[in-house]
Structure formats: C-alpha cells, structure tokens
Amino acid sequence: ADLDAELEAEAGMTVASIFRLEGESGFRARESAALSRLSNAGPLVLATGGGCVESAANRALLAGQFFTVWLRASPMTCAARAASAPPGSRPLLAGDALSVMEALLSRREAWYRDCAKLTVEADLLGPEELAEAIRDAIR
C-alpha cells in the first residue's frame, strides 16, 4: 500500500490539493490517521512519504508496529527521483528541490534511524534491486 495513495482515495483529492486546501498540518493529520488505521490492517508492505516521521506518534507506530526499512539515499538522489514525479505533486519540494531535500534530510535523519529496523543504501539501486536487498537482509 502507498500511504499517499490511501490519503488521496480517502480525501477524494490529490496530495497537492490537500496541501493547498488544508496546509501541511491538515495533510499530516490525515497522514497520522491513515497510518494508525493501517497499523491494525494486518501484514502489508507500506510506502510512507518521507515526512511521516515528523510526528512523534507516527514514529512510535513505525518503530513499534511495523518492520520499518529506511531506504537511505543522498539528497541528490532523492531530489533527482522526485523530479520524475508529476509537476506539483511534491508540494514541499517547490523551488530548489536539492536544497529543500538537504534541509529535510538534516532534520529527519535521526528519526529515520530511530524508526528503522533495517537500513538499505538506496542510491544505486532500482526498485527490483531494493526489494531483493530487503528480502536478503530479512532472511
């Protein structure tokens, strides 16, 4: 499951629209509610957005209820990958995406580390290679 896709389905609008109409605080409240609900949904692989760790309650859920994997990548890699997203779909990355990504990673890195039961270096790996690296590490 993808947490952003869950939010969009529940809200009936895109993440960008939620940000525009409700601000980041409204988006984060929706995100926390969806994460809480999904924490009781049984086994699943869940892709969260990078900002999910902004909330202490979310961090507690991620560390306690999930086997959380941190796909660790440099700000440059993250910015390059985000650039392939549809225009306007990443509201926090408007403007200089690399500078924003550096600031976000600086603020969030300790939270990612605290939540993660496994860290996978993701700079040079594609989706299939990441899945294989996670599978191999868990085994």
N, C-alpha and C. Protein backbone atom coordinates (compact mmCIF):
# COMPACT_ATOMS: atom_id res chain seq x y z
N ALA A 1 0.86 -1.18 0.00
CA ALA A 1 0.00 0.00 0.00
C ALA A 1 0.89 1.23 0.00
N ASP A 2 0.38 2.30 -0.51
CA ASP A 2 1.09 3.58 -0.53
C ASP A 2 0.28 4.55 0.31
N LEU A 3 0.90 5.13 1.34
CA LEU A 3 0.17 5.99 2.27
C LEU A 3 -0.41 7.21 1.56
N ASP A 4 0.33 7.81 0.63
CA ASP A 4 -0.20 8.96 -0.10
C ASP A 4 -1.42 8.56 -0.94
N ALA A 5 -1.35 7.38 -1.59
CA ALA A 5 -2.49 6.92 -2.39
C ALA A 5 -3.70 6.66 -1.50
N GLU A 6 -3.48 6.13 -0.30
CA GLU A 6 -4.58 5.92 0.65
C GLU A 6 -5.22 7.26 1.02
N LEU A 7 -4.38 8.26 1.28
CA LEU A 7 -4.89 9.59 1.63
C LEU A 7 -5.68 10.20 0.49
N GLU A 8 -5.16 10.07 -0.72
CA GLU A 8 -5.87 10.61 -1.87
C GLU A 8 -7.22 9.94 -2.06
N ALA A 9 -7.28 8.62 -1.90
CA ALA A 9 -8.54 7.90 -2.05
C ALA A 9 -9.54 8.33 -0.98
N GLU A 10 -9.09 8.47 0.25
CA GLU A 10 -9.97 8.87 1.35
C GLU A 10 -10.47 10.30 1.18
N ALA A 11 -9.57 11.18 0.75
CA ALA A 11 -9.92 12.60 0.64
C ALA A 11 -10.64 12.92 -0.68
N GLY A 12 -10.48 12.07 -1.67
CA GLY A 12 -11.06 12.35 -2.98
C GLY A 12 -10.35 13.49 -3.68
N MET A 13 -9.08 13.68 -3.34
CA MET A 13 -8.27 14.72 -3.99
C MET A 13 -6.80 14.35 -3.88
N THR A 14 -5.97 15.02 -4.64
CA THR A 14 -4.55 14.74 -4.66
C THR A 14 -3.87 15.28 -3.41
N VAL A 15 -2.66 14.78 -3.16
CA VAL A 15 -1.86 15.30 -2.06
C VAL A 15 -1.65 16.80 -2.23
N ALA A 16 -1.35 17.22 -3.45
CA ALA A 16 -1.15 18.65 -3.71
C ALA A 16 -2.40 19.46 -3.35
N SER A 17 -3.57 18.93 -3.66
CA SER A 17 -4.82 19.62 -3.32
C SER A 17 -5.03 19.67 -1.81
N ILE A 18 -4.71 18.59 -1.12
CA ILE A 18 -4.82 18.59 0.34
C ILE A 18 -3.92 19.67 0.92
N PHE A 19 -2.68 19.74 0.45
CA PHE A 19 -1.75 20.77 0.92
C PHE A 19 -2.30 22.17 0.64
N ARG A 20 -2.83 22.36 -0.56
CA ARG A 20 -3.34 23.68 -0.95
C ARG A 20 -4.55 24.08 -0.10
N LEU A 21 -5.46 23.13 0.16
CA LEU A 21 -6.69 23.46 0.88
C LEU A 21 -6.56 23.40 2.40
N GLU A 22 -5.72 22.48 2.90
CA GLU A 22 -5.64 22.25 4.34
C GLU A 22 -4.27 22.56 4.94
N GLY A 23 -3.30 22.86 4.07
CA GLY A 23 -1.95 23.11 4.55
C GLY A 23 -1.25 21.83 4.95
N GLU A 24 0.01 21.99 5.32
CA GLU A 24 0.77 20.81 5.72
C GLU A 24 0.19 20.19 6.98
N SER A 25 -0.31 21.01 7.90
CA SER A 25 -0.86 20.46 9.15
C SER A 25 -2.09 19.58 8.87
N GLY A 26 -2.93 19.98 7.94
CA GLY A 26 -4.09 19.16 7.58
C GLY A 26 -3.66 17.86 6.93
N PHE A 27 -2.66 17.94 6.05
CA PHE A 27 -2.13 16.74 5.43
C PHE A 27 -1.55 15.80 6.47
N ARG A 28 -0.76 16.34 7.40
CA ARG A 28 -0.12 15.50 8.42
C ARG A 28 -1.16 14.84 9.33
N ALA A 29 -2.24 15.53 9.64
CA ALA A 29 -3.30 14.94 10.46
C ALA A 29 -3.94 13.76 9.72
N ARG A 30 -4.20 13.95 8.44
CA ARG A 30 -4.76 12.85 7.63
C ARG A 30 -3.78 11.68 7.55
N GLU A 31 -2.51 12.01 7.38
CA GLU A 31 -1.46 11.00 7.28
C GLU A 31 -1.39 10.17 8.57
N SER A 32 -1.44 10.83 9.71
CA SER A 32 -1.37 10.14 11.00
C SER A 32 -2.58 9.22 11.20
N ALA A 33 -3.75 9.70 10.84
CA ALA A 33 -4.96 8.88 10.98
C ALA A 33 -4.88 7.64 10.09
N ALA A 34 -4.42 7.82 8.86
CA ALA A 34 -4.31 6.69 7.94
C ALA A 34 -3.25 5.70 8.42
N LEU A 35 -2.12 6.19 8.91
CA LEU A 35 -1.08 5.30 9.41
C LEU A 35 -1.59 4.50 10.61
N SER A 36 -2.31 5.15 11.50
CA SER A 36 -2.87 4.47 12.66
C SER A 36 -3.83 3.37 12.22
N ARG A 37 -4.70 3.68 11.27
CA ARG A 37 -5.65 2.70 10.77
C ARG A 37 -4.93 1.52 10.12
N LEU A 38 -3.93 1.81 9.31
CA LEU A 38 -3.21 0.75 8.60
C LEU A 38 -2.34 -0.08 9.53
N SER A 39 -1.98 0.47 10.68
CA SER A 39 -1.16 -0.30 11.62
C SER A 39 -1.93 -1.50 12.17
N ASN A 40 -3.25 -1.47 12.04
CA ASN A 40 -4.09 -2.58 12.52
C ASN A 40 -4.66 -3.42 11.38
N ALA A 41 -4.17 -3.20 10.17
CA ALA A 41 -4.75 -3.84 8.99
C ALA A 41 -4.16 -5.22 8.69
N GLY A 42 -3.25 -5.67 9.51
CA GLY A 42 -2.61 -6.95 9.22
C GLY A 42 -1.35 -6.75 8.41
N PRO A 43 -0.72 -7.84 8.03
CA PRO A 43 0.55 -7.74 7.30
C PRO A 43 0.41 -6.99 5.99
N LEU A 44 1.29 -6.05 5.77
CA LEU A 44 1.33 -5.34 4.50
C LEU A 44 2.66 -4.65 4.34
N VAL A 45 3.01 -4.37 3.12
CA VAL A 45 4.16 -3.54 2.81
C VAL A 45 3.59 -2.16 2.55
N LEU A 46 4.08 -1.18 3.30
CA LEU A 46 3.54 0.18 3.23
C LEU A 46 4.62 1.17 2.87
N ALA A 47 4.41 1.92 1.81
CA ALA A 47 5.30 3.00 1.44
C ALA A 47 4.76 4.28 2.08
N THR A 48 5.57 4.86 2.95
CA THR A 48 5.19 6.15 3.53
C THR A 48 5.95 7.25 2.81
N GLY A 49 5.47 8.45 2.93
CA GLY A 49 6.25 9.58 2.44
C GLY A 49 7.35 9.89 3.45
N GLY A 50 8.33 10.63 3.01
CA GLY A 50 9.46 10.95 3.88
C GLY A 50 9.11 11.75 5.11
N GLY A 51 8.01 12.49 5.07
CA GLY A 51 7.62 13.33 6.20
C GLY A 51 6.80 12.62 7.25
N CYS A 52 6.51 11.37 7.05
CA CYS A 52 5.70 10.62 8.02
C CYS A 52 6.35 10.64 9.41
N VAL A 53 7.66 10.73 9.45
CA VAL A 53 8.39 10.73 10.73
C VAL A 53 8.31 12.06 11.47
N GLU A 54 7.69 13.06 10.89
CA GLU A 54 7.58 14.38 11.53
C GLU A 54 6.79 14.31 12.84
N SER A 55 5.88 13.35 12.95
CA SER A 55 5.02 13.20 14.13
C SER A 55 5.60 12.16 15.08
N ALA A 56 5.69 12.50 16.37
CA ALA A 56 6.17 11.56 17.37
C ALA A 56 5.27 10.33 17.44
N ALA A 57 3.97 10.53 17.30
CA ALA A 57 3.04 9.39 17.33
C ALA A 57 3.29 8.47 16.13
N ASN A 58 3.55 9.05 14.97
CA ASN A 58 3.86 8.23 13.79
C ASN A 58 5.16 7.46 14.01
N ARG A 59 6.17 8.13 14.58
CA ARG A 59 7.44 7.45 14.82
C ARG A 59 7.24 6.27 15.77
N ALA A 60 6.41 6.45 16.78
CA ALA A 60 6.15 5.36 17.72
C ALA A 60 5.47 4.19 17.00
N LEU A 61 4.52 4.48 16.13
CA LEU A 61 3.86 3.41 15.36
C LEU A 61 4.85 2.73 14.42
N LEU A 62 5.64 3.52 13.72
CA LEU A 62 6.58 2.94 12.76
C LEU A 62 7.60 2.05 13.47
N ALA A 63 8.08 2.47 14.63
CA ALA A 63 9.07 1.70 15.36
C ALA A 63 8.46 0.50 16.08
N GLY A 64 7.22 0.64 16.52
CA GLY A 64 6.62 -0.39 17.35
C GLY A 64 5.71 -1.37 16.63
N GLN A 65 5.04 -0.92 15.58
CA GLN A 65 4.03 -1.76 14.92
C GLN A 65 4.47 -2.30 13.56
N PHE A 66 5.53 -1.75 13.01
CA PHE A 66 5.97 -2.11 11.66
C PHE A 66 7.42 -2.58 11.69
N PHE A 67 7.79 -3.38 10.72
CA PHE A 67 9.20 -3.66 10.46
C PHE A 67 9.61 -2.59 9.46
N THR A 68 10.13 -1.50 9.97
CA THR A 68 10.40 -0.32 9.15
C THR A 68 11.77 -0.40 8.49
N VAL A 69 11.79 -0.19 7.18
CA VAL A 69 13.02 -0.19 6.41
C VAL A 69 13.28 1.23 5.92
N TRP A 70 14.45 1.75 6.24
CA TRP A 70 14.86 3.07 5.76
C TRP A 70 15.62 2.87 4.46
N LEU A 71 15.06 3.37 3.38
CA LEU A 71 15.74 3.36 2.09
C LEU A 71 16.59 4.62 2.05
N ARG A 72 17.78 4.50 2.55
CA ARG A 72 18.67 5.66 2.73
C ARG A 72 19.29 6.06 1.40
N ALA A 73 19.10 7.33 1.05
CA ALA A 73 19.65 7.87 -0.19
C ALA A 73 20.10 9.29 0.05
N SER A 74 21.03 9.72 -0.76
CA SER A 74 21.55 11.09 -0.63
C SER A 74 20.48 12.09 -1.04
N PRO A 75 20.61 13.33 -0.57
CA PRO A 75 19.67 14.36 -1.02
C PRO A 75 19.65 14.52 -2.54
N MET A 76 20.81 14.35 -3.17
CA MET A 76 20.86 14.48 -4.63
C MET A 76 20.04 13.38 -5.30
N THR A 77 20.16 12.16 -4.82
CA THR A 77 19.37 11.06 -5.38
C THR A 77 17.89 11.29 -5.14
N CYS A 78 17.54 11.69 -3.92
CA CYS A 78 16.12 11.93 -3.60
C CYS A 78 15.54 13.04 -4.48
N ALA A 79 16.30 14.12 -4.65
CA ALA A 79 15.81 15.23 -5.48
C ALA A 79 15.65 14.78 -6.93
N ALA A 80 16.60 14.01 -7.43
CA ALA A 80 16.51 13.53 -8.82
C ALA A 80 15.30 12.61 -9.00
N ARG A 81 15.06 11.74 -8.03
CA ARG A 81 13.91 10.84 -8.13
C ARG A 81 12.61 11.62 -8.03
N ALA A 82 12.56 12.60 -7.16
CA ALA A 82 11.34 13.41 -7.01
C ALA A 82 11.06 14.23 -8.27
N ALA A 83 12.11 14.56 -9.01
CA ALA A 83 11.94 15.35 -10.23
C ALA A 83 11.13 14.61 -11.28
N SER A 84 11.08 13.27 -11.18
CA SER A 84 10.31 12.50 -12.16
C SER A 84 8.83 12.42 -11.80
N ALA A 85 8.46 12.93 -10.62
CA ALA A 85 7.05 12.94 -10.20
C ALA A 85 6.29 13.99 -11.01
N PRO A 86 4.98 13.82 -11.15
CA PRO A 86 4.20 14.82 -11.88
C PRO A 86 4.37 16.22 -11.28
N PRO A 87 4.40 17.25 -12.12
CA PRO A 87 4.56 18.63 -11.62
C PRO A 87 3.53 18.96 -10.54
N GLY A 88 4.00 19.53 -9.44
CA GLY A 88 3.11 19.95 -8.36
C GLY A 88 2.73 18.86 -7.39
N SER A 89 3.17 17.61 -7.64
CA SER A 89 2.76 16.51 -6.77
C SER A 89 3.58 16.42 -5.49
N ARG A 90 4.67 17.14 -5.41
CA ARG A 90 5.53 17.17 -4.22
C ARG A 90 5.60 18.60 -3.70
N PRO A 91 4.56 19.05 -3.00
CA PRO A 91 4.47 20.46 -2.60
C PRO A 91 5.65 20.97 -1.77
N LEU A 92 6.23 20.13 -0.95
CA LEU A 92 7.34 20.59 -0.12
C LEU A 92 8.62 20.81 -0.91
N LEU A 93 8.67 20.29 -2.14
CA LEU A 93 9.89 20.40 -2.93
C LEU A 93 9.83 21.50 -3.98
N ALA A 94 8.89 22.40 -3.85
CA ALA A 94 8.80 23.52 -4.79
C ALA A 94 10.06 24.37 -4.68
N GLY A 95 10.52 24.87 -5.78
CA GLY A 95 11.72 25.69 -5.78
C GLY A 95 12.96 24.82 -5.98
N ASP A 96 13.99 25.08 -5.19
CA ASP A 96 15.26 24.36 -5.29
C ASP A 96 15.14 23.03 -4.53
N ALA A 97 14.75 21.99 -5.25
CA ALA A 97 14.46 20.69 -4.62
C ALA A 97 15.67 20.14 -3.87
N LEU A 98 16.88 20.33 -4.41
CA LEU A 98 18.06 19.80 -3.75
C LEU A 98 18.28 20.47 -2.39
N SER A 99 18.17 21.78 -2.34
CA SER A 99 18.34 22.48 -1.05
C SER A 99 17.27 22.08 -0.05
N VAL A 100 16.05 21.97 -0.53
CA VAL A 100 14.95 21.55 0.35
C VAL A 100 15.21 20.14 0.85
N MET A 101 15.62 19.24 -0.04
CA MET A 101 15.88 17.85 0.34
C MET A 101 17.01 17.77 1.36
N GLU A 102 18.05 18.57 1.18
CA GLU A 102 19.15 18.59 2.15
C GLU A 102 18.66 19.02 3.53
N ALA A 103 17.82 20.05 3.57
CA ALA A 103 17.30 20.54 4.85
C ALA A 103 16.37 19.50 5.49
N LEU A 104 15.52 18.89 4.68
CA LEU A 104 14.60 17.87 5.21
C LEU A 104 15.38 16.68 5.77
N LEU A 105 16.35 16.20 5.03
CA LEU A 105 17.13 15.06 5.50
C LEU A 105 17.90 15.41 6.77
N SER A 106 18.44 16.61 6.83
CA SER A 106 19.16 17.03 8.03
C SER A 106 18.24 16.97 9.25
N ARG A 107 17.01 17.43 9.09
CA ARG A 107 16.05 17.45 10.20
C ARG A 107 15.54 16.04 10.54
N ARG A 108 15.36 15.20 9.54
CA ARG A 108 14.68 13.91 9.73
C ARG A 108 15.61 12.72 9.93
N GLU A 109 16.87 12.84 9.61
CA GLU A 109 17.77 11.68 9.58
C GLU A 109 17.77 10.88 10.89
N ALA A 110 17.84 11.53 12.02
CA ALA A 110 17.84 10.82 13.31
C ALA A 110 16.52 10.08 13.52
N TRP A 111 15.43 10.66 13.07
CA TRP A 111 14.12 10.00 13.20
C TRP A 111 14.07 8.74 12.34
N TYR A 112 14.58 8.85 11.10
CA TYR A 112 14.61 7.68 10.23
C TYR A 112 15.41 6.56 10.90
N ARG A 113 16.58 6.92 11.43
CA ARG A 113 17.44 5.95 12.07
C ARG A 113 16.74 5.30 13.26
N ASP A 114 16.05 6.11 14.06
CA ASP A 114 15.36 5.59 15.25
C ASP A 114 14.21 4.65 14.90
N CYS A 115 13.53 4.89 13.80
CA CYS A 115 12.37 4.07 13.41
C CYS A 115 12.77 2.79 12.69
N ALA A 116 13.91 2.81 12.05
CA ALA A 116 14.28 1.71 11.15
C ALA A 116 14.81 0.48 11.89
N LYS A 117 14.27 -0.65 11.53
CA LYS A 117 14.83 -1.92 11.97
C LYS A 117 15.87 -2.40 10.96
N LEU A 118 15.83 -1.83 9.76
CA LEU A 118 16.77 -2.17 8.70
C LEU A 118 17.00 -0.92 7.86
N THR A 119 18.27 -0.69 7.51
CA THR A 119 18.63 0.40 6.61
C THR A 119 19.26 -0.19 5.36
N VAL A 120 18.77 0.24 4.21
CA VAL A 120 19.31 -0.21 2.92
C VAL A 120 19.79 1.02 2.17
N GLU A 121 21.05 0.98 1.73
CA GLU A 121 21.61 2.07 0.94
C GLU A 121 20.96 2.03 -0.45
N ALA A 122 20.24 3.06 -0.79
CA ALA A 122 19.38 3.04 -1.98
C ALA A 122 19.86 3.90 -3.14
N ASP A 123 20.98 4.58 -2.98
CA ASP A 123 21.43 5.49 -4.04
C ASP A 123 21.59 4.82 -5.39
N LEU A 124 22.15 3.63 -5.42
CA LEU A 124 22.49 2.99 -6.69
C LEU A 124 21.57 1.85 -7.07
N LEU A 125 20.49 1.66 -6.31
CA LEU A 125 19.61 0.51 -6.55
C LEU A 125 18.27 0.94 -7.12
N GLY A 126 17.78 0.18 -8.08
CA GLY A 126 16.44 0.37 -8.61
C GLY A 126 15.44 -0.37 -7.75
N PRO A 127 14.15 -0.27 -8.07
CA PRO A 127 13.12 -0.90 -7.25
C PRO A 127 13.29 -2.41 -7.06
N GLU A 128 13.60 -3.13 -8.13
CA GLU A 128 13.74 -4.58 -8.01
C GLU A 128 14.95 -4.93 -7.16
N GLU A 129 16.05 -4.19 -7.33
CA GLU A 129 17.25 -4.44 -6.54
C GLU A 129 17.02 -4.11 -5.07
N LEU A 130 16.26 -3.06 -4.80
CA LEU A 130 15.92 -2.71 -3.42
C LEU A 130 15.10 -3.82 -2.77
N ALA A 131 14.10 -4.30 -3.49
CA ALA A 131 13.27 -5.38 -2.96
C ALA A 131 14.12 -6.61 -2.66
N GLU A 132 15.03 -6.94 -3.55
CA GLU A 132 15.91 -8.09 -3.34
C GLU A 132 16.83 -7.88 -2.15
N ALA A 133 17.39 -6.68 -2.00
CA ALA A 133 18.28 -6.38 -0.88
C ALA A 133 17.53 -6.48 0.45
N ILE A 134 16.29 -6.01 0.48
CA ILE A 134 15.47 -6.10 1.71
C ILE A 134 15.16 -7.56 2.01
N ARG A 135 14.74 -8.29 1.00
CA ARG A 135 14.42 -9.71 1.19
C ARG A 135 15.63 -10.46 1.72
N ASP A 136 16.79 -10.23 1.12
CA ASP A 136 18.02 -10.92 1.54
C ASP A 136 18.40 -10.55 2.96
N ALA A 137 18.26 -9.28 3.33
CA ALA A 137 18.61 -8.84 4.68
C ALA A 137 17.67 -9.43 5.73
N ILE A 138 16.40 -9.56 5.39
CA ILE A 138 15.42 -10.10 6.34
C ILE A 138 15.65 -11.61 6.55
N ARG A 139 16.05 -12.29 5.49
CA ARG A 139 16.31 -13.73 5.59
C ARG A 139 17.51 -13.94 6.48
